[in-house]
Amino acid sequence: MLSKFVAASALSAFVALVAPAQAEEAAKQRFTHEGYTYVYNVKDTKSGKVISGRRFPDAVAFNLSVKDGKVSGVSGGQQVTFKVDEARGAASN
């Protein structure tokens, strides 16, 4: 459950920062939530967006795919799946 929250937090920050489509690949982005700092990249692909990065200070990796309003992927070695709407507002900058 915690991994789903972490992934939702990362996606929430992504939605807030990258909601308008960007023509160029974004530089690394970051946000802080509950004492952890999340550093990640967002890439546009043919099938949607890919969000990948690490949570610090423990350097836990996450890799998420966003397509058709759904998020799926791996966070901290665990599979996660949830709707984009579930992640909105889960993180604060």
PDB file of N, CA and C in Angstrom:
ATOM      1  N   MET A   1       0.817  -1.191   0.000  1.00  0.00           N
ATOM      2  CA  MET A   1       0.000   0.000   0.000  1.00  0.00           C
ATOM      3  C   MET A   1       0.859   1.252   0.000  1.00  0.00           C
ATOM      4  N   LEU A   2       1.951   1.248   0.760  1.00  0.00           N
ATOM      5  CA  LEU A   2       2.831   2.402   0.808  1.00  0.00           C
ATOM      6  C   LEU A   2       3.400   2.689  -0.572  1.00  0.00           C
ATOM      7  N   SER A   3       3.787   1.650  -1.320  1.00  0.00           N
ATOM      8  CA  SER A   3       4.332   1.865  -2.653  1.00  0.00           C
ATOM      9  C   SER A   3       3.308   2.522  -3.555  1.00  0.00           C
ATOM     10  N   LYS A   4       2.041   2.148  -3.406  1.00  0.00           N
ATOM     11  CA  LYS A   4       0.996   2.783  -4.206  1.00  0.00           C
ATOM     12  C   LYS A   4       0.912   4.260  -3.843  1.00  0.00           C
ATOM     13  N   PHE A   5       1.024   4.596  -2.560  1.00  0.00           N
ATOM     14  CA  PHE A   5       0.983   5.990  -2.134  1.00  0.00           C
ATOM     15  C   PHE A   5       2.178   6.749  -2.678  1.00  0.00           C
ATOM     16  N   VAL A   6       3.367   6.141  -2.631  1.00  0.00           N
ATOM     17  CA  VAL A   6       4.578   6.773  -3.156  1.00  0.00           C
ATOM     18  C   VAL A   6       4.406   7.030  -4.645  1.00  0.00           C
ATOM     19  N   ALA A   7       3.935   6.033  -5.366  1.00  0.00           N
ATOM     20  CA  ALA A   7       3.724   6.191  -6.795  1.00  0.00           C
ATOM     21  C   ALA A   7       2.665   7.247  -7.072  1.00  0.00           C
ATOM     22  N   ALA A   8       1.607   7.247  -6.290  1.00  0.00           N
ATOM     23  CA  ALA A   8       0.555   8.258  -6.462  1.00  0.00           C
ATOM     24  C   ALA A   8       1.110   9.644  -6.198  1.00  0.00           C
ATOM     25  N   SER A   9       1.968   9.776  -5.214  1.00  0.00           N
ATOM     26  CA  SER A   9       2.575  11.065  -4.907  1.00  0.00           C
ATOM     27  C   SER A   9       3.442  11.538  -6.062  1.00  0.00           C
ATOM     28  N   ALA A  10       4.226  10.643  -6.622  1.00  0.00           N
ATOM     29  CA  ALA A  10       5.073  10.992  -7.754  1.00  0.00           C
ATOM     30  C   ALA A  10       4.230  11.410  -8.943  1.00  0.00           C
ATOM     31  N   LEU A  11       3.176  10.668  -9.188  1.00  0.00           N
ATOM     32  CA  LEU A  11       2.310  10.996 -10.310  1.00  0.00           C
ATOM     33  C   LEU A  11       1.603  12.320 -10.070  1.00  0.00           C
ATOM     34  N   SER A  12       1.186  12.573  -8.855  1.00  0.00           N
ATOM     35  CA  SER A  12       0.513  13.829  -8.540  1.00  0.00           C
ATOM     36  C   SER A  12       1.414  15.016  -8.844  1.00  0.00           C
ATOM     37  N   ALA A  13       2.662  14.920  -8.427  1.00  0.00           N
ATOM     38  CA  ALA A  13       3.611  15.992  -8.716  1.00  0.00           C
ATOM     39  C   ALA A  13       3.807  16.114 -10.213  1.00  0.00           C
ATOM     40  N   PHE A  14       3.866  14.992 -10.897  1.00  0.00           N
ATOM     41  CA  PHE A  14       3.991  14.993 -12.349  1.00  0.00           C
ATOM     42  C   PHE A  14       2.817  15.711 -12.993  1.00  0.00           C
ATOM     43  N   VAL A  15       1.611  15.388 -12.568  1.00  0.00           N
ATOM     44  CA  VAL A  15       0.411  16.007 -13.132  1.00  0.00           C
ATOM     45  C   VAL A  15       0.433  17.512 -12.902  1.00  0.00           C
ATOM     46  N   ALA A  16       0.824  17.930 -11.725  1.00  0.00           N
ATOM     47  CA  ALA A  16       0.854  19.355 -11.404  1.00  0.00           C
ATOM     48  C   ALA A  16       1.909  20.107 -12.208  1.00  0.00           C
ATOM     49  N   LEU A  17       3.040  19.477 -12.442  1.00  0.00           N
ATOM     50  CA  LEU A  17       4.137  20.152 -13.113  1.00  0.00           C
ATOM     51  C   LEU A  17       4.122  20.019 -14.627  1.00  0.00           C
ATOM     52  N   VAL A  18       3.552  18.944 -15.137  1.00  0.00           N
ATOM     53  CA  VAL A  18       3.653  18.655 -16.555  1.00  0.00           C
ATOM     54  C   VAL A  18       2.282  18.547 -17.219  1.00  0.00           C
ATOM     55  N   ALA A  19       1.254  19.034 -16.587  1.00  0.00           N
ATOM     56  CA  ALA A  19      -0.077  18.905 -17.159  1.00  0.00           C
ATOM     57  C   ALA A  19      -0.130  19.448 -18.581  1.00  0.00           C
ATOM     58  N   PRO A  20       0.359  20.657 -18.825  1.00  0.00           N
ATOM     59  CA  PRO A  20       0.397  21.089 -20.228  1.00  0.00           C
ATOM     60  C   PRO A  20       1.490  20.289 -20.947  1.00  0.00           C
ATOM     61  N   ALA A  21       1.174  19.816 -22.140  1.00  0.00           N
ATOM     62  CA  ALA A  21       2.153  19.016 -22.884  1.00  0.00           C
ATOM     63  C   ALA A  21       3.384  19.860 -23.171  1.00  0.00           C
ATOM     64  N   GLN A  22       4.548  19.255 -23.033  1.00  0.00           N
ATOM     65  CA  GLN A  22       5.797  19.950 -23.301  1.00  0.00           C
ATOM     66  C   GLN A  22       6.398  19.375 -24.562  1.00  0.00           C
ATOM     67  N   ALA A  23       6.896  20.259 -25.422  1.00  0.00           N
ATOM     68  CA  ALA A  23       7.453  19.815 -26.692  1.00  0.00           C
ATOM     69  C   ALA A  23       8.778  19.098 -26.501  1.00  0.00           C
ATOM     70  N   GLU A  24       9.573  19.540 -25.547  1.00  0.00           N
ATOM     71  CA  GLU A  24      10.870  18.921 -25.333  1.00  0.00           C
ATOM     72  C   GLU A  24      10.858  18.082 -24.066  1.00  0.00           C
ATOM     73  N   GLU A  25      11.757  17.121 -24.018  1.00  0.00           N
ATOM     74  CA  GLU A  25      11.868  16.293 -22.827  1.00  0.00           C
ATOM     75  C   GLU A  25      12.263  17.167 -21.643  1.00  0.00           C
ATOM     76  N   ALA A  26      11.587  16.998 -20.550  1.00  0.00           N
ATOM     77  CA  ALA A  26      11.836  17.821 -19.369  1.00  0.00           C
ATOM     78  C   ALA A  26      13.114  17.396 -18.667  1.00  0.00           C
ATOM     79  N   ALA A  27      13.769  18.364 -18.031  1.00  0.00           N
ATOM     80  CA  ALA A  27      14.922  18.058 -17.192  1.00  0.00           C
ATOM     81  C   ALA A  27      14.404  17.349 -15.945  1.00  0.00           C
ATOM     82  N   LYS A  28      15.322  16.859 -15.128  1.00  0.00           N
ATOM     83  CA  LYS A  28      14.893  16.169 -13.920  1.00  0.00           C
ATOM     84  C   LYS A  28      14.032  17.099 -13.067  1.00  0.00           C
ATOM     85  N   GLN A  29      12.971  16.534 -12.555  1.00  0.00           N
ATOM     86  CA  GLN A  29      12.056  17.275 -11.701  1.00  0.00           C
ATOM     87  C   GLN A  29      12.131  16.690 -10.308  1.00  0.00           C
ATOM     88  N   ARG A  30      11.632  17.437  -9.317  1.00  0.00           N
ATOM     89  CA  ARG A  30      11.697  16.934  -7.948  1.00  0.00           C
ATOM     90  C   ARG A  30      10.573  17.517  -7.120  1.00  0.00           C
ATOM     91  N   PHE A  31      10.217  16.777  -6.077  1.00  0.00           N
ATOM     92  CA  PHE A  31       9.298  17.260  -5.059  1.00  0.00           C
ATOM     93  C   PHE A  31       9.611  16.523  -3.773  1.00  0.00           C
ATOM     94  N   THR A  32       9.165  17.077  -2.664  1.00  0.00           N
ATOM     95  CA  THR A  32       9.391  16.471  -1.361  1.00  0.00           C
ATOM     96  C   THR A  32       8.054  16.117  -0.737  1.00  0.00           C
ATOM     97  N   HIS A  33       7.994  14.923  -0.138  1.00  0.00           N
ATOM     98  CA  HIS A  33       6.767  14.461   0.521  1.00  0.00           C
ATOM     99  C   HIS A  33       7.162  13.594   1.707  1.00  0.00           C
ATOM    100  N   GLU A  34       6.639  13.912   2.878  1.00  0.00           N
ATOM    101  CA  GLU A  34       6.887  13.150   4.106  1.00  0.00           C
ATOM    102  C   GLU A  34       8.371  12.879   4.338  1.00  0.00           C
ATOM    103  N   GLY A  35       9.212  13.890   4.113  1.00  0.00           N
ATOM    104  CA  GLY A  35      10.631  13.763   4.392  1.00  0.00           C
ATOM    105  C   GLY A  35      11.458  13.109   3.302  1.00  0.00           C
ATOM    106  N   TYR A  36      10.830  12.641   2.250  1.00  0.00           N
ATOM    107  CA  TYR A  36      11.553  12.049   1.129  1.00  0.00           C
ATOM    108  C   TYR A  36      11.562  13.025  -0.033  1.00  0.00           C
ATOM    109  N   THR A  37      12.646  12.998  -0.806  1.00  0.00           N
ATOM    110  CA  THR A  37      12.731  13.795  -2.025  1.00  0.00           C
ATOM    111  C   THR A  37      12.676  12.850  -3.211  1.00  0.00           C
ATOM    112  N   TYR A  38      11.787  13.131  -4.135  1.00  0.00           N
ATOM    113  CA  TYR A  38      11.604  12.328  -5.344  1.00  0.00           C
ATOM    114  C   TYR A  38      12.210  13.092  -6.513  1.00  0.00           C
ATOM    115  N   VAL A  39      13.121  12.450  -7.233  1.00  0.00           N
ATOM    116  CA  VAL A  39      13.770  13.043  -8.396  1.00  0.00           C
ATOM    117  C   VAL A  39      13.444  12.141  -9.583  1.00  0.00           C
ATOM    118  N   TYR A  40      12.924  12.728 -10.661  1.00  0.00           N
ATOM    119  CA  TYR A  40      12.438  11.893 -11.755  1.00  0.00           C
ATOM    120  C   TYR A  40      12.475  12.617 -13.090  1.00  0.00           C
ATOM    121  N   ASN A  41      12.366  11.841 -14.155  1.00  0.00           N
ATOM    122  CA  ASN A  41      12.241  12.326 -15.520  1.00  0.00           C
ATOM    123  C   ASN A  41      10.911  11.862 -16.078  1.00  0.00           C
ATOM    124  N   VAL A  42      10.369  12.632 -16.989  1.00  0.00           N
ATOM    125  CA  VAL A  42       9.146  12.256 -17.699  1.00  0.00           C
ATOM    126  C   VAL A  42       9.480  12.211 -19.183  1.00  0.00           C
ATOM    127  N   LYS A  43       9.145  11.090 -19.813  1.00  0.00           N
ATOM    128  CA  LYS A  43       9.402  10.936 -21.247  1.00  0.00           C
ATOM    129  C   LYS A  43       8.094  10.634 -21.963  1.00  0.00           C
ATOM    130  N   ASP A  44       7.905  11.260 -23.109  1.00  0.00           N
ATOM    131  CA  ASP A  44       6.772  10.936 -23.969  1.00  0.00           C
ATOM    132  C   ASP A  44       7.162   9.747 -24.841  1.00  0.00           C
ATOM    133  N   THR A  45       6.265   8.771 -24.947  1.00  0.00           N
ATOM    134  CA  THR A  45       6.489   7.617 -25.812  1.00  0.00           C
ATOM    135  C   THR A  45       5.262   7.458 -26.706  1.00  0.00           C
ATOM    136  N   LYS A  46       5.330   6.549 -27.640  1.00  0.00           N
ATOM    137  CA  LYS A  46       4.189   6.290 -28.516  1.00  0.00           C
ATOM    138  C   LYS A  46       2.967   5.834 -27.734  1.00  0.00           C
ATOM    139  N   SER A  47       3.201   5.112 -26.651  1.00  0.00           N
ATOM    140  CA  SER A  47       2.080   4.544 -25.898  1.00  0.00           C
ATOM    141  C   SER A  47       1.677   5.369 -24.677  1.00  0.00           C
ATOM    142  N   GLY A  48       2.283   6.529 -24.467  1.00  0.00           N
ATOM    143  CA  GLY A  48       1.933   7.374 -23.326  1.00  0.00           C
ATOM    144  C   GLY A  48       3.171   8.006 -22.722  1.00  0.00           C
ATOM    145  N   LYS A  49       3.134   8.273 -21.442  1.00  0.00           N
ATOM    146  CA  LYS A  49       4.277   8.874 -20.745  1.00  0.00           C
ATOM    147  C   LYS A  49       4.919   7.846 -19.819  1.00  0.00           C
ATOM    148  N   VAL A  50       6.215   8.000 -19.620  1.00  0.00           N
ATOM    149  CA  VAL A  50       6.957   7.155 -18.692  1.00  0.00           C
ATOM    150  C   VAL A  50       7.600   8.076 -17.664  1.00  0.00           C
ATOM    151  N   ILE A  51       7.348   7.784 -16.395  1.00  0.00           N
ATOM    152  CA  ILE A  51       7.926   8.540 -15.291  1.00  0.00           C
ATOM    153  C   ILE A  51       8.893   7.608 -14.585  1.00  0.00           C
ATOM    154  N   SER A  52      10.164   7.998 -14.527  1.00  0.00           N
ATOM    155  CA  SER A  52      11.141   7.146 -13.850  1.00  0.00           C
ATOM    156  C   SER A  52      12.070   7.996 -12.995  1.00  0.00           C
ATOM    157  N   GLY A  53      12.429   7.455 -11.847  1.00  0.00           N
ATOM    158  CA  GLY A  53      13.304   8.200 -10.961  1.00  0.00           C
ATOM    159  C   GLY A  53      13.615   7.437  -9.703  1.00  0.00           C
ATOM    160  N   ARG A  54      14.029   8.203  -8.678  1.00  0.00           N
ATOM    161  CA  ARG A  54      14.405   7.617  -7.395  1.00  0.00           C
ATOM    162  C   ARG A  54      13.898   8.479  -6.254  1.00  0.00           C
ATOM    163  N   ARG A  55      13.631   7.808  -5.131  1.00  0.00           N
ATOM    164  CA  ARG A  55      13.239   8.471  -3.891  1.00  0.00           C
ATOM    165  C   ARG A  55      14.470   8.500  -2.991  1.00  0.00           C
ATOM    166  N   PHE A  56      14.781   9.682  -2.472  1.00  0.00           N
ATOM    167  CA  PHE A  56      15.957   9.832  -1.612  1.00  0.00           C
ATOM    168  C   PHE A  56      15.533  10.186  -0.200  1.00  0.00           C
ATOM    169  N   PRO A  57      16.293   9.803   0.828  1.00  0.00           N
ATOM    170  CA  PRO A  57      17.706   9.455   0.804  1.00  0.00           C
ATOM    171  C   PRO A  57      18.007   7.983   0.549  1.00  0.00           C
ATOM    172  N   ASP A  58      17.028   7.109   0.473  1.00  0.00           N
ATOM    173  CA  ASP A  58      17.317   5.678   0.337  1.00  0.00           C
ATOM    174  C   ASP A  58      17.475   5.196  -1.104  1.00  0.00           C
ATOM    175  N   ALA A  59      17.340   6.084  -2.085  1.00  0.00           N
ATOM    176  CA  ALA A  59      17.559   5.783  -3.504  1.00  0.00           C
ATOM    177  C   ALA A  59      16.668   4.655  -4.040  1.00  0.00           C
ATOM    178  N   VAL A  60      15.427   4.564  -3.563  1.00  0.00           N
ATOM    179  CA  VAL A  60      14.473   3.563  -4.050  1.00  0.00           C
ATOM    180  C   VAL A  60      13.979   3.986  -5.436  1.00  0.00           C
ATOM    181  N   ALA A  61      14.080   3.078  -6.399  1.00  0.00           N
ATOM    182  CA  ALA A  61      13.706   3.381  -7.780  1.00  0.00           C
ATOM    183  C   ALA A  61      12.214   3.190  -8.024  1.00  0.00           C
ATOM    184  N   PHE A  62      11.670   3.987  -8.953  1.00  0.00           N
ATOM    185  CA  PHE A  62      10.313   3.773  -9.433  1.00  0.00           C
ATOM    186  C   PHE A  62      10.280   4.009 -10.935  1.00  0.00           C
ATOM    187  N   ASN A  63       9.397   3.295 -11.614  1.00  0.00           N
ATOM    188  CA  ASN A  63       9.239   3.391 -13.055  1.00  0.00           C
ATOM    189  C   ASN A  63       7.760   3.198 -13.361  1.00  0.00           C
ATOM    190  N   LEU A  64       7.107   4.244 -13.846  1.00  0.00           N
ATOM    191  CA  LEU A  64       5.664   4.222 -14.052  1.00  0.00           C
ATOM    192  C   LEU A  64       5.312   4.566 -15.488  1.00  0.00           C
ATOM    193  N   SER A  65       4.281   3.931 -16.005  1.00  0.00           N
ATOM    194  CA  SER A  65       3.746   4.250 -17.331  1.00  0.00           C
ATOM    195  C   SER A  65       2.367   4.848 -17.153  1.00  0.00           C
ATOM    196  N   VAL A  66       2.090   5.912 -17.905  1.00  0.00           N
ATOM    197  CA  VAL A  66       0.799   6.586 -17.837  1.00  0.00           C
ATOM    198  C   VAL A  66       0.156   6.509 -19.209  1.00  0.00           C
ATOM    199  N   LYS A  67      -1.033   5.912 -19.256  1.00  0.00           N
ATOM    200  CA  LYS A  67      -1.736   5.764 -20.529  1.00  0.00           C
ATOM    201  C   LYS A  67      -3.234   5.680 -20.266  1.00  0.00           C
ATOM    202  N   ASP A  68      -4.002   6.430 -21.021  1.00  0.00           N
ATOM    203  CA  ASP A  68      -5.466   6.389 -20.946  1.00  0.00           C
ATOM    204  C   ASP A  68      -5.997   6.596 -19.528  1.00  0.00           C
ATOM    205  N   GLY A  69      -5.355   7.502 -18.789  1.00  0.00           N
ATOM    206  CA  GLY A  69      -5.833   7.818 -17.449  1.00  0.00           C
ATOM    207  C   GLY A  69      -5.473   6.797 -16.384  1.00  0.00           C
ATOM    208  N   LYS A  70      -4.609   5.845 -16.737  1.00  0.00           N
ATOM    209  CA  LYS A  70      -4.198   4.816 -15.781  1.00  0.00           C
ATOM    210  C   LYS A  70      -2.679   4.816 -15.628  1.00  0.00           C
ATOM    211  N   VAL A  71      -2.248   4.462 -14.437  1.00  0.00           N
ATOM    212  CA  VAL A  71      -0.823   4.388 -14.126  1.00  0.00           C
ATOM    213  C   VAL A  71      -0.502   2.959 -13.728  1.00  0.00           C
ATOM    214  N   SER A  72       0.613   2.446 -14.238  1.00  0.00           N
ATOM    215  CA  SER A  72       1.062   1.122 -13.826  1.00  0.00           C
ATOM    216  C   SER A  72       2.581   1.116 -13.854  1.00  0.00           C
ATOM    217  N   GLY A  73       3.144   0.230 -13.078  1.00  0.00           N
ATOM    218  CA  GLY A  73       4.590   0.126 -13.065  1.00  0.00           C
ATOM    219  C   GLY A  73       5.097  -0.477 -11.779  1.00  0.00           C
ATOM    220  N   VAL A  74       6.345  -0.116 -11.450  1.00  0.00           N
ATOM    221  CA  VAL A  74       7.019  -0.664 -10.283  1.00  0.00           C
ATOM    222  C   VAL A  74       7.532   0.490  -9.429  1.00  0.00           C
ATOM    223  N   SER A  75       7.267   0.396  -8.134  1.00  0.00           N
ATOM    224  CA  SER A  75       7.776   1.362  -7.166  1.00  0.00           C
ATOM    225  C   SER A  75       8.351   0.592  -5.990  1.00  0.00           C
ATOM    226  N   GLY A  76       9.635   0.783  -5.730  1.00  0.00           N
ATOM    227  CA  GLY A  76      10.273   0.062  -4.632  1.00  0.00           C
ATOM    228  C   GLY A  76      10.228  -1.443  -4.799  1.00  0.00           C
ATOM    229  N   GLY A  77      10.246  -1.919  -6.032  1.00  0.00           N
ATOM    230  CA  GLY A  77      10.225  -3.351  -6.300  1.00  0.00           C
ATOM    231  C   GLY A  77       8.843  -3.982  -6.278  1.00  0.00           C
ATOM    232  N   GLN A  78       7.798  -3.168  -6.079  1.00  0.00           N
ATOM    233  CA  GLN A  78       6.434  -3.698  -6.030  1.00  0.00           C
ATOM    234  C   GLN A  78       5.604  -3.157  -7.189  1.00  0.00           C
ATOM    235  N   GLN A  79       4.762  -4.029  -7.740  1.00  0.00           N
ATOM    236  CA  GLN A  79       3.855  -3.619  -8.806  1.00  0.00           C
ATOM    237  C   GLN A  79       2.810  -2.652  -8.243  1.00  0.00           C
ATOM    238  N   VAL A  80       2.516  -1.593  -8.998  1.00  0.00           N
ATOM    239  CA  VAL A  80       1.467  -0.653  -8.620  1.00  0.00           C
ATOM    240  C   VAL A  80       0.585  -0.366  -9.831  1.00  0.00           C
ATOM    241  N   THR A  81      -0.692  -0.155  -9.572  1.00  0.00           N
ATOM    242  CA  THR A  81      -1.657   0.201 -10.597  1.00  0.00           C
ATOM    243  C   THR A  81      -2.721   1.068  -9.957  1.00  0.00           C
ATOM    244  N   PHE A  82      -3.021   2.215 -10.585  1.00  0.00           N
ATOM    245  CA  PHE A  82      -4.059   3.096 -10.079  1.00  0.00           C
ATOM    246  C   PHE A  82      -4.440   4.092 -11.163  1.00  0.00           C
ATOM    247  N   LYS A  83      -5.531   4.805 -10.953  1.00  0.00           N
ATOM    248  CA  LYS A  83      -5.998   5.812 -11.900  1.00  0.00           C
ATOM    249  C   LYS A  83      -5.293   7.141 -11.635  1.00  0.00           C
ATOM    250  N   VAL A  84      -5.070   7.903 -12.695  1.00  0.00           N
ATOM    251  CA  VAL A  84      -4.444   9.218 -12.566  1.00  0.00           C
ATOM    252  C   VAL A  84      -5.227  10.077 -11.574  1.00  0.00           C
ATOM    253  N   ASP A  85      -6.542  10.029 -11.631  1.00  0.00           N
ATOM    254  CA  ASP A  85      -7.373  10.840 -10.737  1.00  0.00           C
ATOM    255  C   ASP A  85      -7.129  10.527  -9.261  1.00  0.00           C
ATOM    256  N   GLU A  86      -6.733   9.296  -8.938  1.00  0.00           N
ATOM    257  CA  GLU A  86      -6.449   8.927  -7.553  1.00  0.00           C
ATOM    258  C   GLU A  86      -5.182   9.618  -7.038  1.00  0.00           C
ATOM    259  N   ALA A  87      -4.308  10.032  -7.941  1.00  0.00           N
ATOM    260  CA  ALA A  87      -3.035  10.626  -7.535  1.00  0.00           C
ATOM    261  C   ALA A  87      -3.109  12.141  -7.391  1.00  0.00           C
ATOM    262  N   ARG A  88      -4.083  12.771  -7.984  1.00  0.00           N
ATOM    263  CA  ARG A  88      -4.158  14.231  -7.927  1.00  0.00           C
ATOM    264  C   ARG A  88      -4.248  14.715  -6.478  1.00  0.00           C
ATOM    265  N   GLY A  89      -3.334  15.623  -6.133  1.00  0.00           N
ATOM    266  CA  GLY A  89      -3.354  16.204  -4.794  1.00  0.00           C
ATOM    267  C   GLY A  89      -2.714  15.353  -3.719  1.00  0.00           C
ATOM    268  N   ALA A  90      -2.099  14.227  -4.075  1.00  0.00           N
ATOM    269  CA  ALA A  90      -1.498  13.353  -3.062  1.00  0.00           C
ATOM    270  C   ALA A  90      -0.175  13.884  -2.547  1.00  0.00           C
ATOM    271  N   ALA A  91       0.476  14.772  -3.296  1.00  0.00           N
ATOM    272  CA  ALA A  91       1.788  15.276  -2.872  1.00  0.00           C
ATOM    273  C   ALA A  91       1.746  16.788  -2.747  1.00  0.00           C
ATOM    274  N   SER A  92       2.631  17.282  -1.917  1.00  0.00           N
ATOM    275  CA  SER A  92       2.792  18.731  -1.810  1.00  0.00           C
ATOM    276  C   SER A  92       4.231  19.080  -2.118  1.00  0.00           C
ATOM    277  N   ASN A  93       4.446  20.218  -2.719  1.00  0.00           N
ATOM    278  CA  ASN A  93       5.817  20.640  -3.057  1.00  0.00           C
ATOM    279  C   ASN A  93       6.485  21.269  -1.882  1.00  0.00           C
TER     280      ASN A  93
END
